[in-house]
C-alpha atoms as a PDB file:
ATOM      1  CA  MET A   1      62.590 234.305 102.023  1.00  0.00           C
ATOM      2  CA  HIS A   2      65.058 234.927  99.259  1.00  0.00           C
ATOM      3  CA  ALA A   3      65.956 232.903  96.312  1.00  0.00           C
ATOM      4  CA  ARG A   4      69.089 231.345  95.607  1.00  0.00           C
ATOM      5  CA  GLU A   5      70.254 229.083  92.532  1.00  0.00           C
ATOM      6  CA  SER A   6      68.652 225.991  93.880  1.00  0.00           C
ATOM      7  CA  SER A   7      67.021 226.976  97.242  1.00  0.00           C
ATOM      8  CA  VAL A   8      65.476 229.774  99.153  1.00  0.00           C
ATOM      9  CA  ALA A   9      66.586 231.162 102.402  1.00  0.00           C
ATOM     10  CA  CYS A  10      65.547 233.459 105.083  1.00  0.00           C
ATOM     11  CA  GLU A  11      67.255 236.460 106.704  1.00  0.00           C
ATOM     12  CA  SER A  12      68.138 234.327 110.039  1.00  0.00           C
ATOM     13  CA  GLY A  13      70.262 231.802 107.610  1.00  0.00           C
ATOM     14  CA  HIS A  14      67.737 228.929 107.221  1.00  0.00           C
ATOM     15  CA  ASP A  15      68.205 227.421 103.972  1.00  0.00           C
ATOM     16  CA  PHE A  16      65.743 225.301 102.011  1.00  0.00           C
ATOM     17  CA  ALA A  17      66.652 223.402  99.076  1.00  0.00           C
ATOM     18  CA  ILE A  18      64.559 222.880  96.009  1.00  0.00           C
ATOM     19  CA  SER A  19      64.031 219.407  95.405  1.00  0.00           C
ATOM     20  CA  ALA A  20      65.026 217.599  91.964  1.00  0.00           C
ATOM     21  CA  LYS A  21      61.426 217.191  91.447  1.00  0.00           C
ATOM     22  CA  GLY A  22      61.031 221.236  91.627  1.00  0.00           C
ATOM     23  CA  PHE A  23      59.092 221.546  94.924  1.00  0.00           C
ATOM     24  CA  LEU A  24      60.096 223.417  98.190  1.00  0.00           C
ATOM     25  CA  ASN A  25      60.100 221.862 101.311  1.00  0.00           C
ATOM     26  CA  LEU A  26      59.351 224.140 104.169  1.00  0.00           C
ATOM     27  CA  ILE A  27      58.688 221.228 106.636  1.00  0.00           C
ATOM     28  CA  PRO A  28      61.926 218.951 106.171  1.00  0.00           C
ATOM     29  CA  HIS A  29      61.597 217.053 109.310  1.00  0.00           C
ATOM     30  CA  GLN A  30      58.052 216.198 109.082  1.00  0.00           C
ATOM     31  CA  LYS A  31      57.455 212.862 109.832  1.00  0.00           C
ATOM     32  CA  PRO A  32      54.863 210.602 107.708  1.00  0.00           C
ATOM     33  CA  LEU A  33      51.318 211.104 107.865  1.00  0.00           C
ATOM     34  CA  ARG A  34      49.288 207.795 108.999  1.00  0.00           C
ATOM     35  CA  GLY A  35      47.354 206.812 105.780  1.00  0.00           C
ATOM     36  CA  TYR A  36      48.305 209.942 103.767  1.00  0.00           C
ATOM     37  CA  ASP A  37      51.274 207.971 102.226  1.00  0.00           C
ATOM     38  CA  GLU A  38      52.335 207.982  98.538  1.00  0.00           C
ATOM     39  CA  ALA A  39      50.138 205.194  97.681  1.00  0.00           C
ATOM     40  CA  PHE A  40      47.175 207.108  98.516  1.00  0.00           C
ATOM     41  CA  PHE A  41      47.964 210.045  96.812  1.00  0.00           C
ATOM     42  CA  ALA A  42      48.778 208.021  93.574  1.00  0.00           C
ATOM     43  CA  SER A  43      45.488 206.534  93.575  1.00  0.00           C
ATOM     44  CA  ARG A  44      43.821 209.483  94.182  1.00  0.00           C
ATOM     45  CA  GLN A  45      45.662 210.981  91.003  1.00  0.00           C
ATOM     46  CA  ARG A  46      44.462 208.259  88.967  1.00  0.00           C
ATOM     47  CA  ILE A  47      40.779 208.714  90.200  1.00  0.00           C
ATOM     48  CA  MET A  48      41.103 212.232  89.273  1.00  0.00           C
ATOM     49  CA  GLU A  49      42.303 211.514  85.961  1.00  0.00           C
ATOM     50  CA  HIS A  50      39.638 209.102  84.994  1.00  0.00           C
ATOM     51  CA  GLY A  51      36.718 211.418  85.552  1.00  0.00           C
ATOM     52  CA  TYR A  52      34.861 210.419  88.618  1.00  0.00           C
ATOM     53  CA  TYR A  53      35.176 213.919  90.236  1.00  0.00           C
ATOM     54  CA  ARG A  54      34.782 215.673  86.865  1.00  0.00           C
ATOM     55  CA  GLU A  55      31.612 217.570  87.795  1.00  0.00           C
ATOM     56  CA  ALA A  56      33.346 219.008  91.318  1.00  0.00           C
ATOM     57  CA  HIS A  57      36.360 220.085  89.190  1.00  0.00           C
ATOM     58  CA  GLN A  58      34.078 222.057  86.842  1.00  0.00           C
ATOM     59  CA  ALA A  59      32.222 223.682  89.754  1.00  0.00           C
ATOM     60  CA  VAL A  60      35.650 224.797  91.200  1.00  0.00           C
ATOM     61  CA  VAL A  61      36.587 226.213  88.052  1.00  0.00           C
ATOM     62  CA  ALA A  62      33.426 227.900  87.321  1.00  0.00           C
ATOM     63  CA  PHE A  63      33.677 229.999  90.604  1.00  0.00           C
ATOM     64  CA  LEU A  64      37.314 230.917  89.615  1.00  0.00           C
ATOM     65  CA  GLY A  65      35.736 232.788  86.779  1.00  0.00           C
ATOM     66  CA  GLU A  66      35.446 235.964  88.566  1.00  0.00           C
ATOM     67  CA  LEU A  67      39.130 236.423  89.120  1.00  0.00           C
ATOM     68  CA  THR A  68      41.345 238.581  86.995  1.00  0.00           C
ATOM     69  CA  SER A  69      43.639 236.590  84.485  1.00  0.00           C
ATOM     70  CA  THR A  70      46.657 237.552  86.661  1.00  0.00           C
ATOM     71  CA  SER A  71      45.422 236.371  90.121  1.00  0.00           C
ATOM     72  CA  THR A  72      47.422 234.676  92.802  1.00  0.00           C
ATOM     73  CA  ILE A  73      45.838 231.629  93.978  1.00  0.00           C
ATOM     74  CA  ILE A  74      46.831 229.093  96.427  1.00  0.00           C
ATOM     75  CA  ASP A  75      45.421 225.296  96.899  1.00  0.00           C
ATOM     76  CA  ALA A  76      45.365 225.036 100.557  1.00  0.00           C
ATOM     77  CA  GLY A  77      45.792 221.151 101.463  1.00  0.00           C
ATOM     78  CA  CYS A  78      46.229 220.367  97.773  1.00  0.00           C
ATOM     79  CA  GLY A  79      46.602 216.967  97.856  1.00  0.00           C
ATOM     80  CA  GLU A  80      47.581 215.318  94.667  1.00  0.00           C
ATOM     81  CA  GLY A  81      47.310 218.635  92.964  1.00  0.00           C
ATOM     82  CA  SER A  82      44.485 218.229  90.616  1.00  0.00           C
ATOM     83  CA  TYR A  83      42.257 221.489  91.493  1.00  0.00           C
ATOM     84  CA  ALA A  84      45.822 223.588  91.340  1.00  0.00           C
ATOM     85  CA  LYS A  85      46.333 222.264  87.884  1.00  0.00           C
ATOM     86  CA  ASP A  86      42.630 222.949  86.989  1.00  0.00           C
ATOM     87  CA  ALA A  87      43.362 226.535  87.996  1.00  0.00           C
ATOM     88  CA  THR A  88      46.499 227.036  85.990  1.00  0.00           C
ATOM     89  CA  GLN A  89      44.613 225.710  82.887  1.00  0.00           C
ATOM     90  CA  ALA A  90      41.581 228.207  83.559  1.00  0.00           C
ATOM     91  CA  LEU A  91      43.832 231.229  84.326  1.00  0.00           C
ATOM     92  CA  PRO A  92      47.313 230.391  82.482  1.00  0.00           C
ATOM     93  CA  ARG A  93      48.659 233.888  83.396  1.00  0.00           C
ATOM     94  CA  SER A  94      47.976 233.420  87.129  1.00  0.00           C
ATOM     95  CA  THR A  95      50.144 232.308  89.773  1.00  0.00           C
ATOM     96  CA  VAL A  96      49.182 229.175  91.499  1.00  0.00           C
ATOM     97  CA  LEU A  97      50.765 227.562  94.482  1.00  0.00           C
ATOM     98  CA  GLY A  98      49.934 224.407  95.806  1.00  0.00           C
ATOM     99  CA  LEU A  99      50.468 223.505  99.759  1.00  0.00           C
ATOM    100  CA  ASP A 100      50.045 220.406 101.472  1.00  0.00           C
ATOM    101  CA  ILE A 101      51.624 219.146 105.031  1.00  0.00           C
ATOM    102  CA  ALA A 102      52.101 215.811 103.487  1.00  0.00           C
ATOM    103  CA  LYS A 103      55.264 215.528 101.451  1.00  0.00           C
ATOM    104  CA  ASP A 104      54.205 212.433  99.772  1.00  0.00           C
ATOM    105  CA  ALA A 105      51.349 214.512  98.432  1.00  0.00           C
ATOM    106  CA  ILE A 106      53.351 217.217  96.847  1.00  0.00           C
ATOM    107  CA  ARG A 107      56.054 214.567  95.233  1.00  0.00           C
ATOM    108  CA  VAL A 108      52.973 213.484  93.716  1.00  0.00           C
ATOM    109  CA  ALA A 109      51.523 216.481  92.353  1.00  0.00           C
ATOM    110  CA  ALA A 110      54.879 217.609  91.249  1.00  0.00           C
ATOM    111  CA  ARG A 111      55.427 214.805  88.991  1.00  0.00           C
ATOM    112  CA  GLY A 112      55.310 216.002  85.069  1.00  0.00           C
ATOM    113  CA  GLY A 113      56.247 219.313  85.675  1.00  0.00           C
ATOM    114  CA  GLY A 114      54.224 222.187  85.008  1.00  0.00           C
ATOM    115  CA  PRO A 115      53.409 226.002  86.032  1.00  0.00           C
ATOM    116  CA  VAL A 116      52.298 225.119  89.554  1.00  0.00           C
ATOM    117  CA  ARG A 117      54.561 226.006  92.345  1.00  0.00           C
ATOM    118  CA  TRP A 118      54.212 223.285  94.916  1.00  0.00           C
ATOM    119  CA  LEU A 119      55.398 223.617  98.748  1.00  0.00           C
ATOM    120  CA  VAL A 120      55.433 221.357 101.720  1.00  0.00           C
ATOM    121  CA  ALA A 121      53.806 223.564 104.255  1.00  0.00           C
ATOM    122  CA  ASP A 122      51.688 223.868 107.146  1.00  0.00           C
ATOM    123  CA  LEU A 123      48.162 225.715 106.857  1.00  0.00           C
ATOM    124  CA  ALA A 124      48.494 227.037 110.176  1.00  0.00           C
ATOM    125  CA  ASN A 125      51.670 229.001 109.070  1.00  0.00           C
ATOM    126  CA  ILE A 126      51.077 229.693 105.359  1.00  0.00           C
ATOM    127  CA  PRO A 127      54.451 230.975 103.968  1.00  0.00           C
ATOM    128  CA  LEU A 128      53.070 233.993 102.434  1.00  0.00           C
ATOM    129  CA  SER A 129      52.769 237.394 103.482  1.00  0.00           C
ATOM    130  CA  ASP A 130      49.916 239.264 104.419  1.00  0.00           C
ATOM    131  CA  SER A 131      47.287 240.246 101.771  1.00  0.00           C
ATOM    132  CA  THR A 132      48.916 238.608  98.789  1.00  0.00           C
ATOM    133  CA  VAL A 133      46.364 236.303  97.504  1.00  0.00           C
ATOM    134  CA  ASP A 134      43.104 236.630  95.278  1.00  0.00           C
ATOM    135  CA  ALA A 135      41.810 233.076  96.050  1.00  0.00           C
ATOM    136  CA  ILE A 136      42.161 230.316  98.223  1.00  0.00           C
ATOM    137  CA  LEU A 137      40.934 226.573  97.179  1.00  0.00           C
ATOM    138  CA  ASN A 138      40.312 224.349 100.162  1.00  0.00           C
ATOM    139  CA  VAL A 139      38.945 221.157  98.828  1.00  0.00           C
ATOM    140  CA  PHE A 140      37.802 218.041 100.927  1.00  0.00           C
ATOM    141  CA  THR A 141      40.551 219.120 103.454  1.00  0.00           C
ATOM    142  CA  PRO A 142      40.700 221.205 107.014  1.00  0.00           C
ATOM    143  CA  ALA A 143      40.702 225.061 107.185  1.00  0.00           C
ATOM    144  CA  ASN A 144      42.629 227.385 109.046  1.00  0.00           C
ATOM    145  CA  TYR A 145      40.562 230.739 109.036  1.00  0.00           C
ATOM    146  CA  ASP A 146      43.002 232.945 110.701  1.00  0.00           C
ATOM    147  CA  GLU A 147      45.734 232.343 108.281  1.00  0.00           C
ATOM    148  CA  PHE A 148      43.218 232.495 105.157  1.00  0.00           C
ATOM    149  CA  GLU A 149      42.241 236.023 106.313  1.00  0.00           C
ATOM    150  CA  ARG A 150      45.647 237.025 106.988  1.00  0.00           C
ATOM    151  CA  VAL A 151      46.766 236.055 103.287  1.00  0.00           C
ATOM    152  CA  LEU A 152      44.004 236.906 101.483  1.00  0.00           C
ATOM    153  CA  LYS A 153      43.591 240.384  99.893  1.00  0.00           C
ATOM    154  CA  PRO A 154      40.664 242.487 100.634  1.00  0.00           C
ATOM    155  CA  GLY A 155      37.747 241.280  98.292  1.00  0.00           C
ATOM    156  CA  GLY A 156      39.938 237.800  98.022  1.00  0.00           C
ATOM    157  CA  MET A 157      37.768 234.759  98.113  1.00  0.00           C
ATOM    158  CA  LEU A 158      37.749 231.260  99.368  1.00  0.00           C
ATOM    159  CA  VAL A 159      36.450 228.248  97.172  1.00  0.00           C
ATOM    160  CA  LYS A 160      35.770 225.406  99.675  1.00  0.00           C
ATOM    161  CA  VAL A 161      34.314 221.768  98.778  1.00  0.00           C
ATOM    162  CA  ILE A 162      32.813 219.553 101.494  1.00  0.00           C
ATOM    163  CA  PRO A 163      31.202 216.226 101.411  1.00  0.00           C
ATOM    164  CA  ALA A 164      27.565 216.019 100.993  1.00  0.00           C
ATOM    165  CA  PRO A 165      25.211 213.238 102.545  1.00  0.00           C
ATOM    166  CA  ARG A 166      25.607 210.899  99.429  1.00  0.00           C
ATOM    167  CA  HIS A 167      29.319 211.250  99.145  1.00  0.00           C
ATOM    168  CA  MET A 168      31.047 207.966  98.483  1.00  0.00           C
ATOM    169  CA  HIS A 169      27.875 206.203 100.179  1.00  0.00           C
ATOM    170  CA  GLU A 170      28.795 203.008  98.146  1.00  0.00           C
ATOM    171  CA  LEU A 171      31.947 202.787  99.987  1.00  0.00           C
ATOM    172  CA  ARG A 172      30.355 203.169 103.458  1.00  0.00           C
ATOM    173  CA  GLU A 173      27.529 200.221 102.307  1.00  0.00           C
ATOM    174  CA  LEU A 174      30.494 198.217 100.879  1.00  0.00           C
ATOM    175  CA  ALA A 175      32.340 198.481 104.253  1.00  0.00           C
ATOM    176  CA  GLY A 176      29.402 198.036 106.578  1.00  0.00           C
ATOM    177  CA  ARG A 177      29.982 196.972 110.041  1.00  0.00           C
ATOM    178  CA  GLN A 178      33.784 197.469 109.794  1.00  0.00           C
ATOM    179  CA  LEU A 179      33.195 201.275 109.871  1.00  0.00           C
ATOM    180  CA  SER A 180      32.932 203.172 113.206  1.00  0.00           C
ATOM    181  CA  GLU A 181      30.486 205.568 111.545  1.00  0.00           C
ATOM    182  CA  ALA A 182      28.621 203.719 108.773  1.00  0.00           C
ATOM    183  CA  ASP A 183      26.395 206.751 108.006  1.00  0.00           C
ATOM    184  CA  PHE A 184      27.578 210.210 106.853  1.00  0.00           C
ATOM    185  CA  VAL A 185      28.497 212.621 109.596  1.00  0.00           C
ATOM    186  CA  ASP A 186      28.700 216.333 108.821  1.00  0.00           C
ATOM    187  CA  HIS A 187      31.266 217.022 111.537  1.00  0.00           C
ATOM    188  CA  GLY A 188      29.709 220.906 111.364  1.00  0.00           C
ATOM    189  CA  VAL A 189      31.847 221.928 108.850  1.00  0.00           C
ATOM    190  CA  SER A 190      29.615 224.345 106.833  1.00  0.00           C
ATOM    191  CA  GLU A 191      28.537 226.099 110.005  1.00  0.00           C
ATOM    192  CA  HIS A 192      32.173 226.475 111.023  1.00  0.00           C
ATOM    193  CA  LEU A 193      32.815 228.236 107.786  1.00  0.00           C
ATOM    194  CA  MET A 194      29.641 230.581 108.154  1.00  0.00           C
ATOM    195  CA  ARG A 195      30.907 231.817 111.567  1.00  0.00           C
ATOM    196  CA  HIS A 196      34.065 233.132 110.180  1.00  0.00           C
ATOM    197  CA  MET A 197      33.273 234.123 106.641  1.00  0.00           C
ATOM    198  CA  ARG A 198      30.055 235.379 104.367  1.00  0.00           C
ATOM    199  CA  VAL A 199      28.915 232.837 102.023  1.00  0.00           C
ATOM    200  CA  ILE A 200      28.554 234.328  98.852  1.00  0.00           C
ATOM    201  CA  ARG A 201      27.586 231.423  96.333  1.00  0.00           C
ATOM    202  CA  ARG A 202      27.200 227.804  97.148  1.00  0.00           C
ATOM    203  CA  THR A 203      26.251 224.906  94.646  1.00  0.00           C
ATOM    204  CA  ARG A 204      25.543 221.152  95.303  1.00  0.00           C
ATOM    205  CA  VAL A 205      26.888 218.812  92.517  1.00  0.00           C
ATOM    206  CA  THR A 206      26.285 215.011  92.604  1.00  0.00           C
ATOM    207  CA  GLN A 207      28.127 212.720  89.776  1.00  0.00           C
ATOM    208  CA  THR A 208      27.312 208.842  89.956  1.00  0.00           C
ATOM    209  CA  SER A 209      29.943 207.245  87.822  1.00  0.00           C
ATOM    210  CA  PRO A 210      30.113 203.370  86.722  1.00  0.00           C
ATOM    211  CA  VAL A 211      33.318 202.114  88.419  1.00  0.00           C
ATOM    212  CA  GLN A 212      36.082 200.657  85.897  1.00  0.00           C
ATOM    213  CA  PRO A 213      37.123 197.225  87.450  1.00  0.00           C
ATOM    214  CA  GLU A 214      40.892 198.667  87.611  1.00  0.00           C
ATOM    215  CA  ASP A 215      39.594 201.707  89.456  1.00  0.00           C
ATOM    216  CA  ALA A 216      37.896 199.968  92.226  1.00  0.00           C
ATOM    217  CA  PHE A 217      41.063 199.270  94.548  1.00  0.00           C
ATOM    218  CA  ASP A 218      42.200 202.823  94.003  1.00  0.00           C
ATOM    219  CA  LEU A 219      38.697 204.300  95.056  1.00  0.00           C
ATOM    220  CA  VAL A 220      38.790 202.056  98.046  1.00  0.00           C
ATOM    221  CA  ARG A 221      42.636 203.000  99.027  1.00  0.00           C
ATOM    222  CA  MET A 222      42.088 206.815  98.101  1.00  0.00           C
ATOM    223  CA  SER A 223      39.143 207.510 100.413  1.00  0.00           C
ATOM    224  CA  PRO A 224      39.570 208.321 104.124  1.00  0.00           C
ATOM    225  CA  VAL A 225      35.911 206.454 104.559  1.00  0.00           C
ATOM    226  CA  SER A 226      38.197 203.058 104.314  1.00  0.00           C
ATOM    227  CA  PHE A 227      41.107 204.042 106.477  1.00  0.00           C
ATOM    228  CA  GLY A 228      41.819 201.191 109.068  1.00  0.00           C
ATOM    229  CA  ILE A 229      40.258 198.711 106.721  1.00  0.00           C
ATOM    230  CA  GLU A 230      42.066 196.041 104.956  1.00  0.00           C
ATOM    231  CA  GLU A 231      40.985 196.863 101.102  1.00  0.00           C
ATOM    232  CA  ARG A 232      41.597 192.872 100.387  1.00  0.00           C
ATOM    233  CA  SER A 233      38.863 192.080 102.622  1.00  0.00           C
ATOM    234  CA  LEU A 234      36.193 194.101 100.867  1.00  0.00           C
ATOM    235  CA  ASP A 235      33.974 192.476  97.624  1.00  0.00           C
ATOM    236  CA  LEU A 236      35.474 194.980  95.276  1.00  0.00           C
ATOM    237  CA  ASP A 237      33.556 193.173  92.302  1.00  0.00           C
ATOM    238  CA  SER A 238      30.481 194.535  93.904  1.00  0.00           C
ATOM    239  CA  LEU A 239      31.676 198.339  93.507  1.00  0.00           C
ATOM    240  CA  THR A 240      29.889 198.824  90.500  1.00  0.00           C
ATOM    241  CA  HIS A 241      29.274 202.440  90.732  1.00  0.00           C
ATOM    242  CA  ILE A 242      30.605 205.414  92.672  1.00  0.00           C
ATOM    243  CA  THR A 243      29.031 208.832  93.997  1.00  0.00           C
ATOM    244  CA  VAL A 244      30.528 212.060  94.277  1.00  0.00           C
ATOM    245  CA  ASP A 245      28.417 214.327  96.216  1.00  0.00           C
ATOM    246  CA  ALA A 246      29.537 217.886  97.301  1.00  0.00           C
ATOM    247  CA  GLU A 247      28.781 221.418  98.142  1.00  0.00           C
ATOM    248  CA  VAL A 248      30.999 223.961  96.357  1.00  0.00           C
ATOM    249  CA  ILE A 249      30.994 227.107  98.569  1.00  0.00           C
ATOM    250  CA  CYS A 250      32.272 230.613  97.693  1.00  0.00           C
ATOM    251  CA  ALA A 251      32.736 232.864 100.826  1.00  0.00           C
ATOM    252  CA  ARG A 252      34.634 236.234 101.591  1.00  0.00           C
ATOM    253  CA  PHE A 253      35.484 237.589 105.147  1.00  0.00           C
ATOM    254  CA  ALA A 254      32.943 240.104 106.615  1.00  0.00           C
ATOM    255  CA  ARG A 255      35.368 242.924 106.512  1.00  0.00           C
ATOM    256  CA  ASP A 256      35.109 242.922 102.759  1.00  0.00           C
END
């Protein structure tokens, strides 16, 4: 890909315009993703800004502390972009790219400008050359380990965040019988990671916070736990606390 004045182009002649908001859409004909719309990511952004995930953010930043000051970092499945923005604050001389397949996610993430480079892109086809990345963030989102291995430099690391058993348990209890799976389900994410990579460190973070009344609706709307549930049908006044419970895992490929 080669940069032009307001776009990038490949040698085959495909040209991708840089949006007025400053992001690059490499999937211009992507259909909207059910549930993952602009309202979802805007709610998620407000919840992040209000500190409900503060300890998870701090744990991710701590794992990035072993990188050099001029590293290249991608947030793969960056959503509203808060973890990518954390990375730029922790390592201001580094290059940070936020990738998500949802255009609405990148549109929300790019608001307000800043040094992160935002891309609408597919994790199954990461638009980066081989062995160019020092670290990948993969937070509460699916992984593509073949692509991660391709783009990571030798010795590069993955920082992955997965939900732990008490994550958002108050929402599951609030929704009750409206959920097809009321109990926490692991889906084997940790085991899948360990089949591909060697775990270097892992830590569990649990943060229970009082819910401000104005945040209750956002908490319901931004959580996949409540997908398919009419938010207005829930007794939001009874949502007085919310728990973020997660495992933060640092891993490298066995070749390293």
